[in-house]
Amino acid sequence: GPSLSNLPLLAAKELGIFSRNKLEVEILLLTSQLSAVALGAGELEYVAGVGPGSVSGTLAGIPSRAVWVVSNRILHSVVAQPELKTLQDLRGKKIGVTGLGGTTHTSLMIAIEKSGGNPKEFFVVSLGPQQYLRALESKAVDAATIDPPLLFLVLKKGFSRILDLGSAIEMPVGGLTTLTKTLNTKPDQVLRVIKALQESKELLLKERAVDFIMKVMKMDRDTAFRSYELMVTAWGGTGIPSRLGMENIVKGIQSQGRFADRKVSFEDVADPRLAMQVMRELGHKIE
């Protein structure tokens, strides 16, 4: 559904940026599991996302690669009951995330490990997007990983912001995954899709974001503006998948016992060449 990380996709469609790049695009709403199955079966050409779900699909045998990301910094924070102040205070406590094995779960586990903690000492449960506030207020969970706009409401209610996950862990959010067959047989099309998405992201950051966020996310202007300010911080720069970000996804997947015996290279899960070409065309400095 609508989220900050897929705003460039929605804007590219609605603002005619796909059309300007000579693309006819249909957006389908699917779960990550269904998307992986459909991509592997050749029923989709692209999945709008780069994360543990898409990378797990690649490692499971779907011949696909991450080719573009919205950002290499997620917007989620770990928010806890007011009396809890540090990650170590959450040992043995119940922490809510969106989807076990997903981006926020994976980044949380890496952040705990990076801080010197043992991820096995933390009890993580899956929550639906509509359950976070109720779960915190009823103390059904001690903490949760939350992104805007709910983050602002939760902080206003006095809950404690323990950690900005994006500042602690480099991890892709949003993006584009496609089949290697599409990369090999339709490189010009992939290039135009990436260009449209990057142009859409840059347009949102420059001038259209607040009104567009209000419309798509059903936010009031103040909340949309605060979300936009975070987006400017997180989304700056290019859409090139980073080596560290992809390595962190693989590390998180393997820490859960999946594909643990595999040595996975960056090239096994990502192909940044077309994104690099697009960024040069759009005037970004690429080292």
C-alpha atoms as a PDB file:
ATOM      1  CA  GLY A   1       0.000   0.000   0.000  1.00  0.00           C
ATOM      2  CA  PRO A   2       1.006   3.687   0.004  1.00  0.00           C
ATOM      3  CA  SER A   3       4.166   4.395   1.979  1.00  0.00           C
ATOM      4  CA  LEU A   4       6.925   6.990   1.922  1.00  0.00           C
ATOM      5  CA  SER A   5       9.301   4.501   0.292  1.00  0.00           C
ATOM      6  CA  ASN A   6       7.055   3.963  -2.739  1.00  0.00           C
ATOM      7  CA  LEU A   7       6.167   7.631  -3.295  1.00  0.00           C
ATOM      8  CA  PRO A   8       8.602   7.920  -6.260  1.00  0.00           C
ATOM      9  CA  LEU A   9       6.814   5.018  -7.979  1.00  0.00           C
ATOM     10  CA  LEU A  10       3.358   6.500  -7.396  1.00  0.00           C
ATOM     11  CA  ALA A  11       4.489   9.986  -8.409  1.00  0.00           C
ATOM     12  CA  ALA A  12       6.171   8.706 -11.589  1.00  0.00           C
ATOM     13  CA  LYS A  13       2.815   7.240 -12.615  1.00  0.00           C
ATOM     14  CA  GLU A  14       0.567  10.109 -11.543  1.00  0.00           C
ATOM     15  CA  LEU A  15       2.771  13.005 -12.658  1.00  0.00           C
ATOM     16  CA  GLY A  16       3.419  11.522 -16.105  1.00  0.00           C
ATOM     17  CA  ILE A  17       7.131  10.854 -15.620  1.00  0.00           C
ATOM     18  CA  PHE A  18       6.826   7.279 -16.848  1.00  0.00           C
ATOM     19  CA  SER A  19       5.011   8.543 -19.945  1.00  0.00           C
ATOM     20  CA  ARG A  20       7.739  11.126 -20.632  1.00  0.00           C
ATOM     21  CA  ASN A  21      10.220   8.258 -20.615  1.00  0.00           C
ATOM     22  CA  LYS A  22       8.073   6.371 -23.168  1.00  0.00           C
ATOM     23  CA  LEU A  23       6.837   3.786 -20.681  1.00  0.00           C
ATOM     24  CA  GLU A  24       3.374   2.354 -20.130  1.00  0.00           C
ATOM     25  CA  VAL A  25       3.288   1.143 -16.526  1.00  0.00           C
ATOM     26  CA  GLU A  26       0.715  -0.832 -14.577  1.00  0.00           C
ATOM     27  CA  ILE A  27       1.142  -0.896 -10.789  1.00  0.00           C
ATOM     28  CA  LEU A  28      -0.105  -4.013  -8.997  1.00  0.00           C
ATOM     29  CA  LEU A  29      -0.614  -4.304  -5.249  1.00  0.00           C
ATOM     30  CA  LEU A  30       0.885  -7.611  -4.066  1.00  0.00           C
ATOM     31  CA  THR A  31       2.491  -9.044  -0.943  1.00  0.00           C
ATOM     32  CA  SER A  32       6.288  -9.433  -1.084  1.00  0.00           C
ATOM     33  CA  GLN A  33       5.908 -13.232  -1.162  1.00  0.00           C
ATOM     34  CA  LEU A  34       3.458 -13.105  -4.068  1.00  0.00           C
ATOM     35  CA  SER A  35       5.634 -10.585  -5.893  1.00  0.00           C
ATOM     36  CA  ALA A  36       8.629 -12.926  -5.676  1.00  0.00           C
ATOM     37  CA  VAL A  37       6.602 -15.846  -7.033  1.00  0.00           C
ATOM     38  CA  ALA A  38       5.169 -13.741  -9.876  1.00  0.00           C
ATOM     39  CA  LEU A  39       8.598 -12.322 -10.761  1.00  0.00           C
ATOM     40  CA  GLY A  40      10.145 -15.796 -10.791  1.00  0.00           C
ATOM     41  CA  ALA A  41       7.339 -17.026 -13.058  1.00  0.00           C
ATOM     42  CA  GLY A  42       7.923 -14.151 -15.469  1.00  0.00           C
ATOM     43  CA  GLU A  43       4.490 -12.641 -14.810  1.00  0.00           C
ATOM     44  CA  LEU A  44       6.071  -9.400 -13.587  1.00  0.00           C
ATOM     45  CA  GLU A  45       9.010  -7.548 -15.090  1.00  0.00           C
ATOM     46  CA  TYR A  46       9.785  -5.509 -11.968  1.00  0.00           C
ATOM     47  CA  VAL A  47       9.199  -5.554  -8.230  1.00  0.00           C
ATOM     48  CA  ALA A  48       9.154  -2.152  -6.536  1.00  0.00           C
ATOM     49  CA  GLY A  49      11.412  -2.933  -3.626  1.00  0.00           C
ATOM     50  CA  VAL A  50      14.861  -3.962  -2.479  1.00  0.00           C
ATOM     51  CA  GLY A  51      15.062  -5.687   0.889  1.00  0.00           C
ATOM     52  CA  PRO A  52      15.268  -9.036   2.673  1.00  0.00           C
ATOM     53  CA  GLY A  53      12.205 -10.317   0.805  1.00  0.00           C
ATOM     54  CA  SER A  54      13.518  -9.591  -2.692  1.00  0.00           C
ATOM     55  CA  VAL A  55      17.088 -10.658  -1.863  1.00  0.00           C
ATOM     56  CA  SER A  56      15.838 -13.906  -0.283  1.00  0.00           C
ATOM     57  CA  GLY A  57      14.025 -14.585  -3.545  1.00  0.00           C
ATOM     58  CA  THR A  58      17.275 -14.083  -5.471  1.00  0.00           C
ATOM     59  CA  LEU A  59      19.179 -16.377  -3.106  1.00  0.00           C
ATOM     60  CA  ALA A  60      16.419 -18.989  -3.426  1.00  0.00           C
ATOM     61  CA  GLY A  61      17.023 -19.208  -7.162  1.00  0.00           C
ATOM     62  CA  ILE A  62      14.981 -16.456  -8.799  1.00  0.00           C
ATOM     63  CA  PRO A  63      17.394 -14.968 -11.384  1.00  0.00           C
ATOM     64  CA  SER A  64      16.921 -11.365 -10.270  1.00  0.00           C
ATOM     65  CA  ARG A  65      19.006  -8.380  -9.163  1.00  0.00           C
ATOM     66  CA  ALA A  66      18.492  -5.131  -7.265  1.00  0.00           C
ATOM     67  CA  VAL A  67      19.100  -2.326  -9.776  1.00  0.00           C
ATOM     68  CA  TRP A  68      17.980   0.887  -8.019  1.00  0.00           C
ATOM     69  CA  VAL A  69      17.064   2.020  -4.507  1.00  0.00           C
ATOM     70  CA  VAL A  70      15.041   4.938  -3.197  1.00  0.00           C
ATOM     71  CA  SER A  71      17.560   5.360  -0.398  1.00  0.00           C
ATOM     72  CA  ASN A  72      20.282   3.543   1.496  1.00  0.00           C
ATOM     73  CA  ARG A  73      18.872   4.878   4.764  1.00  0.00           C
ATOM     74  CA  ILE A  74      15.615   3.709   6.343  1.00  0.00           C
ATOM     75  CA  LEU A  75      13.338   6.108   8.248  1.00  0.00           C
ATOM     76  CA  HIS A  76      12.370   3.781  11.113  1.00  0.00           C
ATOM     77  CA  SER A  77      13.179   4.412  14.761  1.00  0.00           C
ATOM     78  CA  VAL A  78      13.030   2.117  17.778  1.00  0.00           C
ATOM     79  CA  VAL A  79      10.402   3.636  20.101  1.00  0.00           C
ATOM     80  CA  ALA A  80       9.780   2.224  23.590  1.00  0.00           C
ATOM     81  CA  GLN A  81       7.798   2.676  26.780  1.00  0.00           C
ATOM     82  CA  PRO A  82       8.833   5.953  28.524  1.00  0.00           C
ATOM     83  CA  GLU A  83      10.891   4.252  31.229  1.00  0.00           C
ATOM     84  CA  LEU A  84      13.094   2.422  28.692  1.00  0.00           C
ATOM     85  CA  LYS A  85      15.998   4.494  27.396  1.00  0.00           C
ATOM     86  CA  THR A  86      18.567   2.267  25.640  1.00  0.00           C
ATOM     87  CA  LEU A  87      18.685  -0.805  23.406  1.00  0.00           C
ATOM     88  CA  GLN A  88      20.122  -2.792  26.299  1.00  0.00           C
ATOM     89  CA  ASP A  89      17.034  -1.895  28.357  1.00  0.00           C
ATOM     90  CA  LEU A  90      15.056  -3.951  25.816  1.00  0.00           C
ATOM     91  CA  ARG A  91      16.780  -7.270  26.600  1.00  0.00           C
ATOM     92  CA  GLY A  92      14.090  -9.832  27.306  1.00  0.00           C
ATOM     93  CA  LYS A  93      11.417  -7.318  26.285  1.00  0.00           C
ATOM     94  CA  LYS A  94       8.844  -7.668  23.529  1.00  0.00           C
ATOM     95  CA  ILE A  95       9.609  -5.591  20.376  1.00  0.00           C
ATOM     96  CA  GLY A  96       7.125  -5.205  17.522  1.00  0.00           C
ATOM     97  CA  VAL A  97       8.271  -5.093  13.888  1.00  0.00           C
ATOM     98  CA  THR A  98       6.499  -5.182  10.529  1.00  0.00           C
ATOM     99  CA  GLY A  99       7.072  -8.705   9.278  1.00  0.00           C
ATOM    100  CA  LEU A 100       9.599 -11.106  10.753  1.00  0.00           C
ATOM    101  CA  GLY A 101      12.606 -11.299   8.457  1.00  0.00           C
ATOM    102  CA  GLY A 102      11.768  -7.970   6.803  1.00  0.00           C
ATOM    103  CA  THR A 103      13.825  -4.785   6.532  1.00  0.00           C
ATOM    104  CA  THR A 104      13.032  -3.392   9.982  1.00  0.00           C
ATOM    105  CA  HIS A 105      13.535  -6.753  11.710  1.00  0.00           C
ATOM    106  CA  THR A 106      16.846  -7.293   9.922  1.00  0.00           C
ATOM    107  CA  SER A 107      18.134  -3.770  10.627  1.00  0.00           C
ATOM    108  CA  LEU A 108      17.098  -4.047  14.291  1.00  0.00           C
ATOM    109  CA  MET A 109      19.031  -7.298  14.742  1.00  0.00           C
ATOM    110  CA  ILE A 110      22.146  -5.793  13.143  1.00  0.00           C
ATOM    111  CA  ALA A 111      21.846  -2.652  15.291  1.00  0.00           C
ATOM    112  CA  ILE A 112      21.613  -4.763  18.453  1.00  0.00           C
ATOM    113  CA  GLU A 113      24.675  -6.761  17.442  1.00  0.00           C
ATOM    114  CA  LYS A 114      26.554  -3.585  16.509  1.00  0.00           C
ATOM    115  CA  SER A 115      25.837  -2.120  19.960  1.00  0.00           C
ATOM    116  CA  GLY A 116      27.385  -5.166  21.625  1.00  0.00           C
ATOM    117  CA  GLY A 117      24.142  -6.979  22.404  1.00  0.00           C
ATOM    118  CA  ASN A 118      23.073 -10.522  21.605  1.00  0.00           C
ATOM    119  CA  PRO A 119      20.033 -10.557  19.258  1.00  0.00           C
ATOM    120  CA  LYS A 120      18.889 -13.837  20.832  1.00  0.00           C
ATOM    121  CA  GLU A 121      18.197 -11.993  24.087  1.00  0.00           C
ATOM    122  CA  PHE A 122      15.541  -9.818  22.422  1.00  0.00           C
ATOM    123  CA  PHE A 123      11.978 -11.041  21.831  1.00  0.00           C
ATOM    124  CA  VAL A 124      10.672  -9.825  18.469  1.00  0.00           C
ATOM    125  CA  VAL A 125       7.019 -10.144  17.381  1.00  0.00           C
ATOM    126  CA  SER A 126       5.257  -9.235  14.133  1.00  0.00           C
ATOM    127  CA  LEU A 127       2.699  -6.403  14.145  1.00  0.00           C
ATOM    128  CA  GLY A 128       0.395  -5.137  11.420  1.00  0.00           C
ATOM    129  CA  PRO A 129       0.700  -1.435  10.476  1.00  0.00           C
ATOM    130  CA  GLN A 130      -2.557  -0.594  12.275  1.00  0.00           C
ATOM    131  CA  GLN A 131      -1.516  -2.318  15.526  1.00  0.00           C
ATOM    132  CA  TYR A 132       1.518  -0.297  16.607  1.00  0.00           C
ATOM    133  CA  LEU A 133      -0.077   2.485  18.627  1.00  0.00           C
ATOM    134  CA  ARG A 134      -2.610   0.195  20.311  1.00  0.00           C
ATOM    135  CA  ALA A 135       0.119  -2.332  21.153  1.00  0.00           C
ATOM    136  CA  LEU A 136       2.313   0.334  22.747  1.00  0.00           C
ATOM    137  CA  GLU A 137      -0.513   2.022  24.660  1.00  0.00           C
ATOM    138  CA  SER A 138      -1.806  -1.291  26.027  1.00  0.00           C
ATOM    139  CA  LYS A 139       1.785  -2.381  26.798  1.00  0.00           C
ATOM    140  CA  ALA A 140       1.279  -5.495  24.686  1.00  0.00           C
ATOM    141  CA  VAL A 141       4.788  -4.658  23.444  1.00  0.00           C
ATOM    142  CA  ASP A 142       7.599  -2.831  25.213  1.00  0.00           C
ATOM    143  CA  ALA A 143       8.915  -1.247  22.028  1.00  0.00           C
ATOM    144  CA  ALA A 144       8.388  -1.131  18.269  1.00  0.00           C
ATOM    145  CA  THR A 145      10.138  -0.031  15.059  1.00  0.00           C
ATOM    146  CA  ILE A 146       8.082   2.874  13.688  1.00  0.00           C
ATOM    147  CA  ASP A 147       8.440   5.251  10.739  1.00  0.00           C
ATOM    148  CA  PRO A 148       6.663   8.513   9.862  1.00  0.00           C
ATOM    149  CA  PRO A 149       3.934   9.624  10.084  1.00  0.00           C
ATOM    150  CA  LEU A 150       3.044   7.409  13.066  1.00  0.00           C
ATOM    151  CA  LEU A 151       6.469   8.124  14.575  1.00  0.00           C
ATOM    152  CA  PHE A 152       5.514  11.765  15.248  1.00  0.00           C
ATOM    153  CA  LEU A 153       2.248  10.832  16.962  1.00  0.00           C
ATOM    154  CA  VAL A 154       3.911   8.195  19.148  1.00  0.00           C
ATOM    155  CA  LEU A 155       6.641  10.611  20.270  1.00  0.00           C
ATOM    156  CA  LYS A 156       4.022  13.277  21.040  1.00  0.00           C
ATOM    157  CA  LYS A 157       2.337  10.773  23.365  1.00  0.00           C
ATOM    158  CA  GLY A 158       5.504  10.523  25.449  1.00  0.00           C
ATOM    159  CA  PHE A 159       7.060   7.284  24.264  1.00  0.00           C
ATOM    160  CA  SER A 160      10.855   7.120  24.248  1.00  0.00           C
ATOM    161  CA  ARG A 161      12.872   7.257  21.015  1.00  0.00           C
ATOM    162  CA  ILE A 162      15.746   4.877  21.652  1.00  0.00           C
ATOM    163  CA  LEU A 163      17.446   4.688  18.270  1.00  0.00           C
ATOM    164  CA  ASP A 164      17.230   6.094  14.741  1.00  0.00           C
ATOM    165  CA  LEU A 165      17.864   2.874  12.820  1.00  0.00           C
ATOM    166  CA  GLY A 166      18.835   4.754   9.670  1.00  0.00           C
ATOM    167  CA  SER A 167      21.732   6.487  11.404  1.00  0.00           C
ATOM    168  CA  ALA A 168      22.968   3.204  12.872  1.00  0.00           C
ATOM    169  CA  ILE A 169      22.640   0.810   9.935  1.00  0.00           C
ATOM    170  CA  GLU A 170      22.975   1.304   6.183  1.00  0.00           C
ATOM    171  CA  MET A 171      20.079  -0.579   4.634  1.00  0.00           C
ATOM    172  CA  PRO A 172      18.245  -0.048   1.314  1.00  0.00           C
ATOM    173  CA  VAL A 173      14.631   1.063   1.400  1.00  0.00           C
ATOM    174  CA  GLY A 174      12.304   0.926  -1.581  1.00  0.00           C
ATOM    175  CA  GLY A 175      13.784   0.513  -5.023  1.00  0.00           C
ATOM    176  CA  LEU A 176      13.621  -1.757  -8.029  1.00  0.00           C
ATOM    177  CA  THR A 177      14.334  -5.456  -8.556  1.00  0.00           C
ATOM    178  CA  THR A 178      14.165  -7.086 -11.961  1.00  0.00           C
ATOM    179  CA  LEU A 179      15.024 -10.354 -13.683  1.00  0.00           C
ATOM    180  CA  THR A 180      18.494 -10.824 -15.162  1.00  0.00           C
ATOM    181  CA  LYS A 181      16.695 -11.802 -18.370  1.00  0.00           C
ATOM    182  CA  THR A 182      15.095  -8.337 -18.517  1.00  0.00           C
ATOM    183  CA  LEU A 183      18.478  -6.742 -17.813  1.00  0.00           C
ATOM    184  CA  ASN A 184      20.074  -8.683 -20.649  1.00  0.00           C
ATOM    185  CA  THR A 185      17.307  -8.427 -23.245  1.00  0.00           C
ATOM    186  CA  LYS A 186      15.771  -5.012 -22.475  1.00  0.00           C
ATOM    187  CA  PRO A 187      18.555  -2.847 -20.998  1.00  0.00           C
ATOM    188  CA  ASP A 188      17.112   0.304 -22.589  1.00  0.00           C
ATOM    189  CA  GLN A 189      13.748  -0.310 -20.930  1.00  0.00           C
ATOM    190  CA  VAL A 190      15.354  -0.921 -17.521  1.00  0.00           C
ATOM    191  CA  LEU A 191      17.367   2.269 -17.999  1.00  0.00           C
ATOM    192  CA  ARG A 192      14.210   4.283 -18.695  1.00  0.00           C
ATOM    193  CA  VAL A 193      12.379   2.791 -15.683  1.00  0.00           C
ATOM    194  CA  ILE A 194      15.294   3.683 -13.401  1.00  0.00           C
ATOM    195  CA  LYS A 195      15.520   7.162 -14.910  1.00  0.00           C
ATOM    196  CA  ALA A 196      11.803   7.782 -14.418  1.00  0.00           C
ATOM    197  CA  LEU A 197      11.953   6.681 -10.776  1.00  0.00           C
ATOM    198  CA  GLN A 198      15.047   8.765 -10.021  1.00  0.00           C
ATOM    199  CA  GLU A 199      13.558  11.822 -11.753  1.00  0.00           C
ATOM    200  CA  SER A 200      10.379  11.304  -9.736  1.00  0.00           C
ATOM    201  CA  LYS A 201      12.318  11.093  -6.473  1.00  0.00           C
ATOM    202  CA  GLU A 202      14.314  14.234  -7.256  1.00  0.00           C
ATOM    203  CA  LEU A 203      11.155  16.129  -8.227  1.00  0.00           C
ATOM    204  CA  LEU A 204       9.492  15.149  -4.939  1.00  0.00           C
ATOM    205  CA  LEU A 205      12.499  16.397  -2.988  1.00  0.00           C
ATOM    206  CA  LYS A 206      12.562  19.682  -4.868  1.00  0.00           C
ATOM    207  CA  GLU A 207       8.987  20.860  -4.965  1.00  0.00           C
ATOM    208  CA  ARG A 208       6.093  18.428  -5.003  1.00  0.00           C
ATOM    209  CA  ALA A 209       6.546  16.292  -1.912  1.00  0.00           C
ATOM    210  CA  VAL A 210       4.415  17.954   0.770  1.00  0.00           C
ATOM    211  CA  ASP A 211       1.234  18.223  -1.289  1.00  0.00           C
ATOM    212  CA  PHE A 212       1.780  14.789  -2.803  1.00  0.00           C
ATOM    213  CA  ILE A 213       2.395  13.207   0.626  1.00  0.00           C
ATOM    214  CA  MET A 214      -0.789  14.818   1.958  1.00  0.00           C
ATOM    215  CA  LYS A 215      -2.773  13.391  -0.941  1.00  0.00           C
ATOM    216  CA  VAL A 216      -1.330   9.861  -1.051  1.00  0.00           C
ATOM    217  CA  MET A 217      -0.729   9.259   2.649  1.00  0.00           C
ATOM    218  CA  LYS A 218      -3.816  11.170   3.848  1.00  0.00           C
ATOM    219  CA  MET A 219      -1.706  13.358   6.181  1.00  0.00           C
ATOM    220  CA  ASP A 220      -2.254  16.856   7.504  1.00  0.00           C
ATOM    221  CA  ARG A 221       0.177  19.510   6.235  1.00  0.00           C
ATOM    222  CA  ASP A 222       2.321  19.680   9.384  1.00  0.00           C
ATOM    223  CA  THR A 223       2.863  15.901   9.494  1.00  0.00           C
ATOM    224  CA  ALA A 224       3.536  15.815   5.748  1.00  0.00           C
ATOM    225  CA  PHE A 225       6.101  18.599   6.095  1.00  0.00           C
ATOM    226  CA  ARG A 226       7.903  16.810   8.942  1.00  0.00           C
ATOM    227  CA  SER A 227       7.920  13.608   6.873  1.00  0.00           C
ATOM    228  CA  TYR A 228       9.316  15.570   3.939  1.00  0.00           C
ATOM    229  CA  GLU A 229      12.137  16.951   6.115  1.00  0.00           C
ATOM    230  CA  LEU A 230      13.158  13.400   7.049  1.00  0.00           C
ATOM    231  CA  MET A 231      12.964  12.340   3.396  1.00  0.00           C
ATOM    232  CA  VAL A 232      15.349  15.138   2.395  1.00  0.00           C
ATOM    233  CA  THR A 233      17.880  13.841   4.921  1.00  0.00           C
ATOM    234  CA  ALA A 234      17.474  10.181   3.975  1.00  0.00           C
ATOM    235  CA  TRP A 235      16.922  10.354   0.224  1.00  0.00           C
ATOM    236  CA  GLY A 236      19.745  12.656  -0.838  1.00  0.00           C
ATOM    237  CA  GLY A 237      22.273  11.419  -3.373  1.00  0.00           C
ATOM    238  CA  THR A 238      21.967   8.670  -5.931  1.00  0.00           C
ATOM    239  CA  GLY A 239      19.775   5.601  -6.315  1.00  0.00           C
ATOM    240  CA  ILE A 240      22.719   3.245  -6.749  1.00  0.00           C
ATOM    241  CA  PRO A 241      22.517   0.123  -4.539  1.00  0.00           C
ATOM    242  CA  SER A 242      25.439   0.262  -2.107  1.00  0.00           C
ATOM    243  CA  ARG A 243      27.745  -2.642  -1.390  1.00  0.00           C
ATOM    244  CA  LEU A 244      27.421  -2.194   2.383  1.00  0.00           C
ATOM    245  CA  GLY A 245      23.642  -1.915   2.260  1.00  0.00           C
ATOM    246  CA  MET A 246      23.265  -5.116   0.254  1.00  0.00           C
ATOM    247  CA  GLU A 247      25.790  -6.903   2.485  1.00  0.00           C
ATOM    248  CA  ASN A 248      23.731  -5.913   5.520  1.00  0.00           C
ATOM    249  CA  ILE A 249      20.596  -7.409   3.970  1.00  0.00           C
ATOM    250  CA  VAL A 250      22.433 -10.683   3.287  1.00  0.00           C
ATOM    251  CA  LYS A 251      23.947 -10.647   6.772  1.00  0.00           C
ATOM    252  CA  GLY A 252      20.511 -10.210   8.318  1.00  0.00           C
ATOM    253  CA  ILE A 253      19.038 -13.044   6.249  1.00  0.00           C
ATOM    254  CA  GLN A 254      21.896 -15.376   7.150  1.00  0.00           C
ATOM    255  CA  SER A 255      21.696 -14.468  10.845  1.00  0.00           C
ATOM    256  CA  GLN A 256      18.206 -16.011  10.808  1.00  0.00           C
ATOM    257  CA  GLY A 257      19.651 -19.303   9.567  1.00  0.00           C
ATOM    258  CA  ARG A 258      18.703 -18.924   5.910  1.00  0.00           C
ATOM    259  CA  PHE A 259      21.402 -19.514   3.284  1.00  0.00           C
ATOM    260  CA  ALA A 260      23.888 -19.412   6.164  1.00  0.00           C
ATOM    261  CA  ASP A 261      26.394 -21.679   4.414  1.00  0.00           C
ATOM    262  CA  ARG A 262      26.487 -19.545   1.246  1.00  0.00           C
ATOM    263  CA  LYS A 263      29.208 -17.045   0.439  1.00  0.00           C
ATOM    264  CA  VAL A 264      27.232 -14.279  -1.265  1.00  0.00           C
ATOM    265  CA  SER A 265      28.904 -11.528  -3.269  1.00  0.00           C
ATOM    266  CA  PHE A 266      27.462  -8.099  -4.066  1.00  0.00           C
ATOM    267  CA  GLU A 267      27.218  -9.117  -7.730  1.00  0.00           C
ATOM    268  CA  ASP A 268      25.078 -12.134  -6.764  1.00  0.00           C
ATOM    269  CA  VAL A 269      22.274  -9.853  -5.559  1.00  0.00           C
ATOM    270  CA  ALA A 270      22.742  -6.451  -7.224  1.00  0.00           C
ATOM    271  CA  ASP A 271      23.642  -4.918 -10.577  1.00  0.00           C
ATOM    272  CA  PRO A 272      24.317  -1.173 -10.230  1.00  0.00           C
ATOM    273  CA  ARG A 273      25.565  -0.529 -13.775  1.00  0.00           C
ATOM    274  CA  LEU A 274      22.407   0.974 -15.267  1.00  0.00           C
ATOM    275  CA  ALA A 275      21.697   3.063 -12.169  1.00  0.00           C
ATOM    276  CA  MET A 276      25.239   4.456 -12.416  1.00  0.00           C
ATOM    277  CA  GLN A 277      24.630   5.342 -16.069  1.00  0.00           C
ATOM    278  CA  VAL A 278      21.365   7.108 -15.189  1.00  0.00           C
ATOM    279  CA  MET A 279      23.002   9.067 -12.375  1.00  0.00           C
ATOM    280  CA  ARG A 280      25.718  10.299 -14.729  1.00  0.00           C
ATOM    281  CA  GLU A 281      23.078  11.363 -17.247  1.00  0.00           C
ATOM    282  CA  LEU A 282      21.246  13.268 -14.516  1.00  0.00           C
ATOM    283  CA  GLY A 283      24.424  15.087 -13.472  1.00  0.00           C
ATOM    284  CA  HIS A 284      25.409  13.170 -10.341  1.00  0.00           C
ATOM    285  CA  LYS A 285      29.105  12.682  -9.621  1.00  0.00           C
ATOM    286  CA  ILE A 286      29.890   8.960  -9.613  1.00  0.00           C
ATOM    287  CA  GLU A 287      33.238   7.787  -8.265  1.00  0.00           C
END
